[in-house]
PDB file of N, CA and C in Angstrom:
ATOM      1  N   MET A   1      77.678  52.631  67.844  1.00  0.00           N
ATOM      2  CA  MET A   1      76.593  52.081  67.472  1.00  0.00           C
ATOM      3  C   MET A   1      76.344  52.254  66.157  1.00  0.00           C
ATOM      4  N   VAL A   2      75.805  51.253  65.616  1.00  0.00           N
ATOM      5  CA  VAL A   2      75.276  51.126  64.373  1.00  0.00           C
ATOM      6  C   VAL A   2      73.610  50.872  64.386  1.00  0.00           C
ATOM      7  N   CYS A   3      73.057  51.591  63.318  1.00  0.00           N
ATOM      8  CA  CYS A   3      71.582  51.111  63.212  1.00  0.00           C
ATOM      9  C   CYS A   3      71.343  50.544  61.623  1.00  0.00           C
ATOM     10  N   ARG A   4      70.822  49.425  61.928  1.00  0.00           N
ATOM     11  CA  ARG A   4      70.861  48.339  60.638  1.00  0.00           C
ATOM     12  C   ARG A   4      69.564  47.848  60.331  1.00  0.00           C
ATOM     13  N   ASP A   5      68.822  47.961  59.195  1.00  0.00           N
ATOM     14  CA  ASP A   5      67.801  47.343  58.968  1.00  0.00           C
ATOM     15  C   ASP A   5      67.857  45.914  58.578  1.00  0.00           C
ATOM     16  N   VAL A   6      67.181  45.010  59.225  1.00  0.00           N
ATOM     17  CA  VAL A   6      67.656  43.467  58.899  1.00  0.00           C
ATOM     18  C   VAL A   6      66.400  43.172  57.899  1.00  0.00           C
ATOM     19  N   VAL A   7      65.474  43.698  57.566  1.00  0.00           N
ATOM     20  CA  VAL A   7      64.564  43.314  56.557  1.00  0.00           C
ATOM     21  C   VAL A   7      64.636  44.080  55.250  1.00  0.00           C
ATOM     22  N   GLY A   8      64.661  43.387  54.442  1.00  0.00           N
ATOM     23  CA  GLY A   8      64.701  44.077  52.903  1.00  0.00           C
ATOM     24  C   GLY A   8      63.443  44.725  52.695  1.00  0.00           C
ATOM     25  N   PRO A   9      63.467  45.482  51.193  1.00  0.00           N
ATOM     26  CA  PRO A   9      62.245  45.961  51.068  1.00  0.00           C
ATOM     27  C   PRO A   9      60.857  45.200  50.765  1.00  0.00           C
ATOM     28  N   VAL A  10      59.879  46.018  50.954  1.00  0.00           N
ATOM     29  CA  VAL A  10      58.558  45.316  50.854  1.00  0.00           C
ATOM     30  C   VAL A  10      58.076  45.818  49.315  1.00  0.00           C
ATOM     31  N   THR A  11      57.563  45.034  48.568  1.00  0.00           N
ATOM     32  CA  THR A  11      57.533  45.340  47.109  1.00  0.00           C
ATOM     33  C   THR A  11      56.036  44.915  46.761  1.00  0.00           C
ATOM     34  N   ASN A  12      55.429  45.260  45.705  1.00  0.00           N
ATOM     35  CA  ASN A  12      54.282  44.884  45.047  1.00  0.00           C
ATOM     36  C   ASN A  12      54.438  43.242  44.794  1.00  0.00           C
ATOM     37  N   VAL A  13      53.336  42.544  44.753  1.00  0.00           N
ATOM     38  CA  VAL A  13      53.552  40.954  44.558  1.00  0.00           C
ATOM     39  C   VAL A  13      53.954  40.693  43.197  1.00  0.00           C
ATOM     40  N   ASP A  14      53.038  41.178  42.187  1.00  0.00           N
ATOM     41  CA  ASP A  14      53.319  41.055  40.722  1.00  0.00           C
ATOM     42  C   ASP A  14      54.411  42.257  40.111  1.00  0.00           C
ATOM     43  N   PRO A  15      55.446  41.722  39.440  1.00  0.00           N
ATOM     44  CA  PRO A  15      56.519  42.365  38.769  1.00  0.00           C
ATOM     45  C   PRO A  15      55.547  43.258  37.948  1.00  0.00           C
ATOM     46  N   ALA A  16      55.869  44.919  37.946  1.00  0.00           N
ATOM     47  CA  ALA A  16      55.624  45.773  37.093  1.00  0.00           C
ATOM     48  C   ALA A  16      56.406  45.722  35.694  1.00  0.00           C
ATOM     49  N   PRO A  17      55.765  45.700  34.508  1.00  0.00           N
ATOM     50  CA  PRO A  17      56.796  45.419  33.393  1.00  0.00           C
ATOM     51  C   PRO A  17      57.361  46.709  33.049  1.00  0.00           C
ATOM     52  N   LEU A  18      58.658  46.810  32.477  1.00  0.00           N
ATOM     53  CA  LEU A  18      59.090  48.039  31.996  1.00  0.00           C
ATOM     54  C   LEU A  18      59.992  47.478  30.660  1.00  0.00           C
ATOM     55  N   LYS A  19      60.151  48.411  29.736  1.00  0.00           N
ATOM     56  CA  LYS A  19      61.252  48.342  28.995  1.00  0.00           C
ATOM     57  C   LYS A  19      62.674  48.424  29.142  1.00  0.00           C
ATOM     58  N   PRO A  20      63.400  47.929  28.548  1.00  0.00           N
ATOM     59  CA  PRO A  20      64.895  47.961  28.804  1.00  0.00           C
ATOM     60  C   PRO A  20      65.313  49.547  28.493  1.00  0.00           C
ATOM     61  N   GLY A  21      66.010  50.081  29.274  1.00  0.00           N
ATOM     62  CA  GLY A  21      66.499  51.447  29.403  1.00  0.00           C
ATOM     63  C   GLY A  21      65.217  52.519  29.469  1.00  0.00           C
ATOM     64  N   ALA A  22      64.166  52.014  29.812  1.00  0.00           N
ATOM     65  CA  ALA A  22      63.035  52.984  30.120  1.00  0.00           C
ATOM     66  C   ALA A  22      63.191  54.011  31.359  1.00  0.00           C
ATOM     67  N   SER A  23      62.786  55.105  31.200  1.00  0.00           N
ATOM     68  CA  SER A  23      62.886  56.322  31.977  1.00  0.00           C
ATOM     69  C   SER A  23      61.941  56.145  33.256  1.00  0.00           C
ATOM     70  N   VAL A  24      61.936  56.211  34.443  1.00  0.00           N
ATOM     71  CA  VAL A  24      61.094  56.179  35.345  1.00  0.00           C
ATOM     72  C   VAL A  24      61.316  57.415  36.251  1.00  0.00           C
ATOM     73  N   ALA A  25      59.705  57.927  36.441  1.00  0.00           N
ATOM     74  CA  ALA A  25      59.505  59.201  37.023  1.00  0.00           C
ATOM     75  C   ALA A  25      59.316  58.778  38.499  1.00  0.00           C
ATOM     76  N   ILE A  26      59.878  59.699  39.469  1.00  0.00           N
ATOM     77  CA  ILE A  26      59.643  59.483  40.890  1.00  0.00           C
ATOM     78  C   ILE A  26      59.191  60.884  41.374  1.00  0.00           C
ATOM     79  N   SER A  27      58.242  61.014  41.828  1.00  0.00           N
ATOM     80  CA  SER A  27      58.003  62.016  42.867  1.00  0.00           C
ATOM     81  C   SER A  27      57.260  61.883  44.175  1.00  0.00           C
ATOM     82  N   PHE A  28      57.429  62.979  44.897  1.00  0.00           N
ATOM     83  CA  PHE A  28      56.802  62.693  46.260  1.00  0.00           C
ATOM     84  C   PHE A  28      55.814  63.804  46.626  1.00  0.00           C
ATOM     85  N   GLU A  29      55.017  63.631  47.439  1.00  0.00           N
ATOM     86  CA  GLU A  29      53.989  64.618  47.946  1.00  0.00           C
ATOM     87  C   GLU A  29      54.718  65.672  48.643  1.00  0.00           C
ATOM     88  N   ALA A  30      55.734  65.343  49.326  1.00  0.00           N
ATOM     89  CA  ALA A  30      56.363  66.615  50.294  1.00  0.00           C
ATOM     90  C   ALA A  30      57.372  67.111  49.224  1.00  0.00           C
ATOM     91  N   GLY A  31      57.294  67.176  47.943  1.00  0.00           N
ATOM     92  CA  GLY A  31      58.297  67.813  47.162  1.00  0.00           C
ATOM     93  C   GLY A  31      59.629  67.170  46.982  1.00  0.00           C
ATOM     94  N   ALA A  32      60.240  67.742  45.998  1.00  0.00           N
ATOM     95  CA  ALA A  32      61.974  66.932  45.879  1.00  0.00           C
ATOM     96  C   ALA A  32      62.551  66.797  47.015  1.00  0.00           C
ATOM     97  N   PRO A  33      63.102  65.672  47.190  1.00  0.00           N
ATOM     98  CA  PRO A  33      63.847  65.287  48.620  1.00  0.00           C
ATOM     99  C   PRO A  33      65.330  66.052  48.520  1.00  0.00           C
ATOM    100  N   SER A  34      66.253  66.390  49.435  1.00  0.00           N
ATOM    101  CA  SER A  34      67.521  66.873  49.382  1.00  0.00           C
ATOM    102  C   SER A  34      68.467  65.836  49.102  1.00  0.00           C
ATOM    103  N   GLU A  35      68.065  64.618  49.268  1.00  0.00           N
ATOM    104  CA  GLU A  35      69.081  63.407  48.742  1.00  0.00           C
ATOM    105  C   GLU A  35      67.970  62.241  48.446  1.00  0.00           C
ATOM    106  N   LEU A  36      68.170  61.558  47.288  1.00  0.00           N
ATOM    107  CA  LEU A  36      67.490  60.580  46.838  1.00  0.00           C
ATOM    108  C   LEU A  36      68.700  59.661  45.944  1.00  0.00           C
ATOM    109  N   HIS A  37      68.016  58.280  46.670  1.00  0.00           N
ATOM    110  CA  HIS A  37      68.848  57.246  45.944  1.00  0.00           C
ATOM    111  C   HIS A  37      67.975  56.081  45.162  1.00  0.00           C
ATOM    112  N   VAL A  38      68.284  55.753  44.185  1.00  0.00           N
ATOM    113  CA  VAL A  38      67.358  54.720  43.378  1.00  0.00           C
ATOM    114  C   VAL A  38      68.399  53.526  42.806  1.00  0.00           C
ATOM    115  N   ASP A  39      68.169  52.291  43.588  1.00  0.00           N
ATOM    116  CA  ASP A  39      69.112  51.214  43.101  1.00  0.00           C
ATOM    117  C   ASP A  39      68.509  49.987  42.646  1.00  0.00           C
ATOM    118  N   TRP A  40      68.965  49.392  41.654  1.00  0.00           N
ATOM    119  CA  TRP A  40      68.369  48.224  40.968  1.00  0.00           C
ATOM    120  C   TRP A  40      69.215  46.993  41.156  1.00  0.00           C
ATOM    121  N   TYR A  41      68.564  45.856  41.903  1.00  0.00           N
ATOM    122  CA  TYR A  41      69.133  44.662  42.248  1.00  0.00           C
ATOM    123  C   TYR A  41      68.536  43.605  41.515  1.00  0.00           C
ATOM    124  N   GLU A  42      69.386  42.701  40.950  1.00  0.00           N
ATOM    125  CA  GLU A  42      68.726  41.443  40.299  1.00  0.00           C
ATOM    126  C   GLU A  42      67.770  40.770  41.474  1.00  0.00           C
ATOM    127  N   ALA A  43      66.695  40.380  41.042  1.00  0.00           N
ATOM    128  CA  ALA A  43      65.860  39.780  41.796  1.00  0.00           C
ATOM    129  C   ALA A  43      66.209  38.277  41.902  1.00  0.00           C
ATOM    130  N   PRO A  44      66.293  37.548  43.134  1.00  0.00           N
ATOM    131  CA  PRO A  44      66.702  36.222  43.008  1.00  0.00           C
ATOM    132  C   PRO A  44      65.767  35.366  42.138  1.00  0.00           C
ATOM    133  N   ALA A  45      66.079  34.322  41.910  1.00  0.00           N
ATOM    134  CA  ALA A  45      65.328  33.069  40.942  1.00  0.00           C
ATOM    135  C   ALA A  45      64.192  32.786  41.311  1.00  0.00           C
ATOM    136  N   ASP A  46      64.260  32.629  42.854  1.00  0.00           N
ATOM    137  CA  ASP A  46      62.930  32.215  43.536  1.00  0.00           C
ATOM    138  C   ASP A  46      62.476  33.416  44.588  1.00  0.00           C
ATOM    139  N   PRO A  47      61.757  34.371  43.899  1.00  0.00           N
ATOM    140  CA  PRO A  47      61.249  35.430  44.709  1.00  0.00           C
ATOM    141  C   PRO A  47      60.439  34.928  45.977  1.00  0.00           C
ATOM    142  N   PRO A  48      60.713  35.717  47.047  1.00  0.00           N
ATOM    143  CA  PRO A  48      59.748  35.192  48.382  1.00  0.00           C
ATOM    144  C   PRO A  48      58.181  35.031  48.191  1.00  0.00           C
ATOM    145  N   ALA A  49      57.538  34.289  48.909  1.00  0.00           N
ATOM    146  CA  ALA A  49      56.150  34.153  48.715  1.00  0.00           C
ATOM    147  C   ALA A  49      55.587  35.373  49.005  1.00  0.00           C
ATOM    148  N   PRO A  50      54.249  35.691  48.368  1.00  0.00           N
ATOM    149  CA  PRO A  50      53.467  36.683  48.724  1.00  0.00           C
ATOM    150  C   PRO A  50      53.079  36.818  50.091  1.00  0.00           C
ATOM    151  N   LEU A  51      53.233  37.887  50.870  1.00  0.00           N
ATOM    152  CA  LEU A  51      52.630  37.687  52.224  1.00  0.00           C
ATOM    153  C   LEU A  51      51.634  39.114  52.162  1.00  0.00           C
ATOM    154  N   GLY A  52      50.400  38.872  52.190  1.00  0.00           N
ATOM    155  CA  GLY A  52      49.365  39.678  51.932  1.00  0.00           C
ATOM    156  C   GLY A  52      49.556  40.331  50.851  1.00  0.00           C
ATOM    157  N   GLU A  53      49.641  41.606  50.640  1.00  0.00           N
ATOM    158  CA  GLU A  53      49.643  42.477  49.279  1.00  0.00           C
ATOM    159  C   GLU A  53      51.182  42.751  48.975  1.00  0.00           C
ATOM    160  N   GLY A  54      51.839  42.094  49.544  1.00  0.00           N
ATOM    161  CA  GLY A  54      53.311  42.435  49.223  1.00  0.00           C
ATOM    162  C   GLY A  54      54.248  41.239  49.166  1.00  0.00           C
ATOM    163  N   ARG A  55      55.470  41.562  48.911  1.00  0.00           N
ATOM    164  CA  ARG A  55      56.517  40.642  49.284  1.00  0.00           C
ATOM    165  C   ARG A  55      57.698  41.196  50.009  1.00  0.00           C
ATOM    166  N   VAL A  56      58.130  40.509  51.065  1.00  0.00           N
ATOM    167  CA  VAL A  56      59.205  40.958  51.869  1.00  0.00           C
ATOM    168  C   VAL A  56      60.482  40.260  51.362  1.00  0.00           C
ATOM    169  N   TRP A  57      61.204  41.069  51.050  1.00  0.00           N
ATOM    170  CA  TRP A  57      62.593  40.590  50.268  1.00  0.00           C
ATOM    171  C   TRP A  57      63.809  40.275  51.623  1.00  0.00           C
ATOM    172  N   ALA A  58      64.727  39.371  51.480  1.00  0.00           N
ATOM    173  CA  ALA A  58      65.650  39.162  52.275  1.00  0.00           C
ATOM    174  C   ALA A  58      66.766  40.053  52.254  1.00  0.00           C
ATOM    175  N   ALA A  59      67.294  40.549  53.135  1.00  0.00           N
ATOM    176  CA  ALA A  59      68.243  41.669  53.347  1.00  0.00           C
ATOM    177  C   ALA A  59      69.519  40.930  53.848  1.00  0.00           C
ATOM    178  N   PRO A  60      70.602  41.190  53.365  1.00  0.00           N
ATOM    179  CA  PRO A  60      71.002  41.966  52.267  1.00  0.00           C
ATOM    180  C   PRO A  60      70.821  40.977  50.828  1.00  0.00           C
ATOM    181  N   PHE A  61      70.692  41.418  49.829  1.00  0.00           N
ATOM    182  CA  PHE A  61      70.635  40.934  48.553  1.00  0.00           C
ATOM    183  C   PHE A  61      72.027  40.295  48.471  1.00  0.00           C
ATOM    184  N   SER A  62      71.917  38.892  47.672  1.00  0.00           N
ATOM    185  CA  SER A  62      73.081  38.253  47.223  1.00  0.00           C
ATOM    186  C   SER A  62      73.988  39.214  46.305  1.00  0.00           C
ATOM    187  N   GLY A  63      75.116  39.061  46.272  1.00  0.00           N
ATOM    188  CA  GLY A  63      76.159  39.892  45.241  1.00  0.00           C
ATOM    189  C   GLY A  63      76.530  40.898  46.115  1.00  0.00           C
ATOM    190  N   THR A  64      77.249  41.713  45.183  1.00  0.00           N
ATOM    191  CA  THR A  64      78.080  42.702  45.723  1.00  0.00           C
ATOM    192  C   THR A  64      77.277  44.316  46.044  1.00  0.00           C
ATOM    193  N   GLY A  65      76.212  44.420  45.325  1.00  0.00           N
ATOM    194  CA  GLY A  65      75.360  45.650  45.219  1.00  0.00           C
ATOM    195  C   GLY A  65      74.705  45.583  44.000  1.00  0.00           C
ATOM    196  N   PRO A  66      74.140  46.888  43.803  1.00  0.00           N
ATOM    197  CA  PRO A  66      73.199  47.178  42.951  1.00  0.00           C
ATOM    198  C   PRO A  66      73.890  46.936  41.468  1.00  0.00           C
ATOM    199  N   VAL A  67      72.836  46.531  40.541  1.00  0.00           N
ATOM    200  CA  VAL A  67      73.093  46.378  38.968  1.00  0.00           C
ATOM    201  C   VAL A  67      73.508  47.735  38.511  1.00  0.00           C
ATOM    202  N   THR A  68      72.626  48.613  39.034  1.00  0.00           N
ATOM    203  CA  THR A  68      72.761  49.920  38.383  1.00  0.00           C
ATOM    204  C   THR A  68      72.160  50.909  39.402  1.00  0.00           C
ATOM    205  N   SER A  69      72.336  52.052  39.197  1.00  0.00           N
ATOM    206  CA  SER A  69      71.655  53.241  40.169  1.00  0.00           C
ATOM    207  C   SER A  69      70.982  54.128  39.175  1.00  0.00           C
ATOM    208  N   GLY A  70      69.950  54.922  39.623  1.00  0.00           N
ATOM    209  CA  GLY A  70      69.343  55.940  38.966  1.00  0.00           C
ATOM    210  C   GLY A  70      67.839  55.706  38.444  1.00  0.00           C
ATOM    211  N   THR A  71      67.265  56.659  37.678  1.00  0.00           N
ATOM    212  CA  THR A  71      66.052  56.517  37.145  1.00  0.00           C
ATOM    213  C   THR A  71      65.952  56.052  35.752  1.00  0.00           C
ATOM    214  N   THR A  72      66.655  55.040  35.513  1.00  0.00           N
ATOM    215  CA  THR A  72      66.783  54.396  34.208  1.00  0.00           C
ATOM    216  C   THR A  72      66.770  53.035  34.283  1.00  0.00           C
ATOM    217  N   ALA A  73      65.951  52.296  33.878  1.00  0.00           N
ATOM    218  CA  ALA A  73      65.768  50.686  34.078  1.00  0.00           C
ATOM    219  C   ALA A  73      66.931  50.217  33.420  1.00  0.00           C
ATOM    220  N   PRO A  74      67.611  49.029  33.708  1.00  0.00           N
ATOM    221  CA  PRO A  74      68.754  48.511  33.140  1.00  0.00           C
ATOM    222  C   PRO A  74      68.680  48.022  31.844  1.00  0.00           C
ATOM    223  N   ALA A  75      69.498  47.928  30.783  1.00  0.00           N
ATOM    224  CA  ALA A  75      69.411  47.471  29.529  1.00  0.00           C
ATOM    225  C   ALA A  75      69.074  46.120  29.483  1.00  0.00           C
ATOM    226  N   GLU A  76      69.463  45.327  30.354  1.00  0.00           N
ATOM    227  CA  GLU A  76      69.426  43.841  30.442  1.00  0.00           C
ATOM    228  C   GLU A  76      68.069  43.386  30.924  1.00  0.00           C
ATOM    229  N   SER A  77      67.412  42.380  30.134  1.00  0.00           N
ATOM    230  CA  SER A  77      66.119  41.736  30.505  1.00  0.00           C
ATOM    231  C   SER A  77      66.220  41.024  31.865  1.00  0.00           C
ATOM    232  N   GLY A  78      65.415  41.016  32.639  1.00  0.00           N
ATOM    233  CA  GLY A  78      65.211  40.330  33.769  1.00  0.00           C
ATOM    234  C   GLY A  78      64.415  40.701  34.815  1.00  0.00           C
ATOM    235  N   ALA A  79      64.287  40.100  35.974  1.00  0.00           N
ATOM    236  CA  ALA A  79      63.650  40.598  37.185  1.00  0.00           C
ATOM    237  C   ALA A  79      64.378  41.551  38.086  1.00  0.00           C
ATOM    238  N   TYR A  80      63.987  42.569  38.604  1.00  0.00           N
ATOM    239  CA  TYR A  80      64.483  43.380  39.426  1.00  0.00           C
ATOM    240  C   TYR A  80      63.735  43.972  40.745  1.00  0.00           C
ATOM    241  N   VAL A  81      64.543  44.132  41.863  1.00  0.00           N
ATOM    242  CA  VAL A  81      63.980  44.802  42.863  1.00  0.00           C
ATOM    243  C   VAL A  81      64.723  46.425  42.958  1.00  0.00           C
ATOM    244  N   VAL A  82      63.787  47.117  43.004  1.00  0.00           N
ATOM    245  CA  VAL A  82      64.263  48.571  42.879  1.00  0.00           C
ATOM    246  C   VAL A  82      64.005  49.227  44.171  1.00  0.00           C
ATOM    247  N   THR A  83      64.947  49.914  44.754  1.00  0.00           N
ATOM    248  CA  THR A  83      64.777  50.521  46.057  1.00  0.00           C
ATOM    249  C   THR A  83      64.826  51.949  45.743  1.00  0.00           C
ATOM    250  N   VAL A  84      64.156  52.740  46.379  1.00  0.00           N
ATOM    251  CA  VAL A  84      64.099  54.195  46.558  1.00  0.00           C
ATOM    252  C   VAL A  84      64.176  54.804  48.048  1.00  0.00           C
ATOM    253  N   PHE A  85      65.269  55.521  48.153  1.00  0.00           N
ATOM    254  CA  PHE A  85      65.376  56.152  49.271  1.00  0.00           C
ATOM    255  C   PHE A  85      65.176  57.709  49.279  1.00  0.00           C
ATOM    256  N   GLY A  86      64.406  58.529  49.955  1.00  0.00           N
ATOM    257  CA  GLY A  86      64.364  59.946  49.974  1.00  0.00           C
ATOM    258  C   GLY A  86      64.718  60.460  51.304  1.00  0.00           C
ATOM    259  N   ARG A  87      65.575  61.419  51.360  1.00  0.00           N
ATOM    260  CA  ARG A  87      65.681  62.343  52.523  1.00  0.00           C
ATOM    261  C   ARG A  87      65.239  63.834  52.402  1.00  0.00           C
ATOM    262  N   TRP A  88      64.680  64.240  53.279  1.00  0.00           N
ATOM    263  CA  TRP A  88      64.153  65.708  53.250  1.00  0.00           C
ATOM    264  C   TRP A  88      64.925  66.333  54.436  1.00  0.00           C
ATOM    265  N   GLN A  89      65.880  67.399  54.399  1.00  0.00           N
ATOM    266  CA  GLN A  89      66.585  67.996  55.353  1.00  0.00           C
ATOM    267  C   GLN A  89      65.667  68.466  56.739  1.00  0.00           C
ATOM    268  N   GLY A  90      66.031  68.000  57.796  1.00  0.00           N
ATOM    269  CA  GLY A  90      65.037  68.329  58.777  1.00  0.00           C
ATOM    270  C   GLY A  90      63.705  67.687  59.007  1.00  0.00           C
ATOM    271  N   LYS A  91      63.162  66.693  58.111  1.00  0.00           N
ATOM    272  CA  LYS A  91      61.819  66.325  57.942  1.00  0.00           C
ATOM    273  C   LYS A  91      61.852  65.123  58.079  1.00  0.00           C
ATOM    274  N   GLY A  92      63.003  64.274  57.895  1.00  0.00           N
ATOM    275  CA  GLY A  92      62.943  62.649  57.831  1.00  0.00           C
ATOM    276  C   GLY A  92      63.162  62.077  56.459  1.00  0.00           C
ATOM    277  N   ASP A  93      62.795  60.631  56.538  1.00  0.00           N
ATOM    278  CA  ASP A  93      63.125  60.144  55.139  1.00  0.00           C
ATOM    279  C   ASP A  93      62.112  59.033  55.106  1.00  0.00           C
ATOM    280  N   ILE A  94      62.172  58.418  53.790  1.00  0.00           N
ATOM    281  CA  ILE A  94      60.985  57.415  53.536  1.00  0.00           C
ATOM    282  C   ILE A  94      61.965  56.499  52.379  1.00  0.00           C
ATOM    283  N   SER A  95      61.636  55.053  52.723  1.00  0.00           N
ATOM    284  CA  SER A  95      61.949  54.283  51.549  1.00  0.00           C
ATOM    285  C   SER A  95      61.012  53.430  51.141  1.00  0.00           C
ATOM    286  N   TYR A  96      61.113  53.080  49.567  1.00  0.00           N
ATOM    287  CA  TYR A  96      60.153  52.294  48.997  1.00  0.00           C
ATOM    288  C   TYR A  96      60.813  51.205  48.270  1.00  0.00           C
ATOM    289  N   GLY A  97      60.035  50.121  47.871  1.00  0.00           N
ATOM    290  CA  GLY A  97      60.601  48.984  47.349  1.00  0.00           C
ATOM    291  C   GLY A  97      59.475  48.570  46.062  1.00  0.00           C
ATOM    292  N   PHE A  98      60.097  48.182  44.943  1.00  0.00           N
ATOM    293  CA  PHE A  98      59.328  47.969  43.592  1.00  0.00           C
ATOM    294  C   PHE A  98      59.826  46.528  43.224  1.00  0.00           C
ATOM    295  N   TYR A  99      59.019  45.784  42.775  1.00  0.00           N
ATOM    296  CA  TYR A  99      59.289  44.512  41.963  1.00  0.00           C
ATOM    297  C   TYR A  99      58.993  44.897  40.332  1.00  0.00           C
ATOM    298  N   VAL A 100      59.857  44.635  39.524  1.00  0.00           N
ATOM    299  CA  VAL A 100      59.713  45.014  38.256  1.00  0.00           C
ATOM    300  C   VAL A 100      60.503  43.746  37.388  1.00  0.00           C
ATOM    301  N   VAL A 101      59.843  43.764  35.847  1.00  0.00           N
ATOM    302  CA  VAL A 101      60.338  42.857  35.148  1.00  0.00           C
ATOM    303  C   VAL A 101      60.858  43.432  33.876  1.00  0.00           C
ATOM    304  N   VAL A 102      61.951  43.690  33.321  1.00  0.00           N
ATOM    305  CA  VAL A 102      62.520  44.258  32.237  1.00  0.00           C
ATOM    306  C   VAL A 102      62.670  43.549  31.013  1.00  0.00           C
ATOM    307  N   ARG A 103      61.676  43.674  29.935  1.00  0.00           N
ATOM    308  CA  ARG A 103      61.420  42.922  28.699  1.00  0.00           C
ATOM    309  C   ARG A 103      61.197  43.646  27.759  1.00  0.00           C
TER     310      ARG A 103
END
């Protein structure tokens, strides 16, 4: 059996601005997770229409995978969808998505 999400991340409507190579701080009320993944994907040229207070992105993203991983914004200008996944041993996990523009 395989458990697979079929909906991409839900993000903010308007992209948050970041400078190239900016460091991004991520913290959780539950404390530091035992596992953390932060992946940056190029956003499609035509983002999905806003749905309420967010955007629901199609999964999977086109291309072969994330542009980069970690808490540093890409050096290349452009629009990105950032996915954040945290897991706490014996307590569960959580996923977040963010729509950002690097310029």
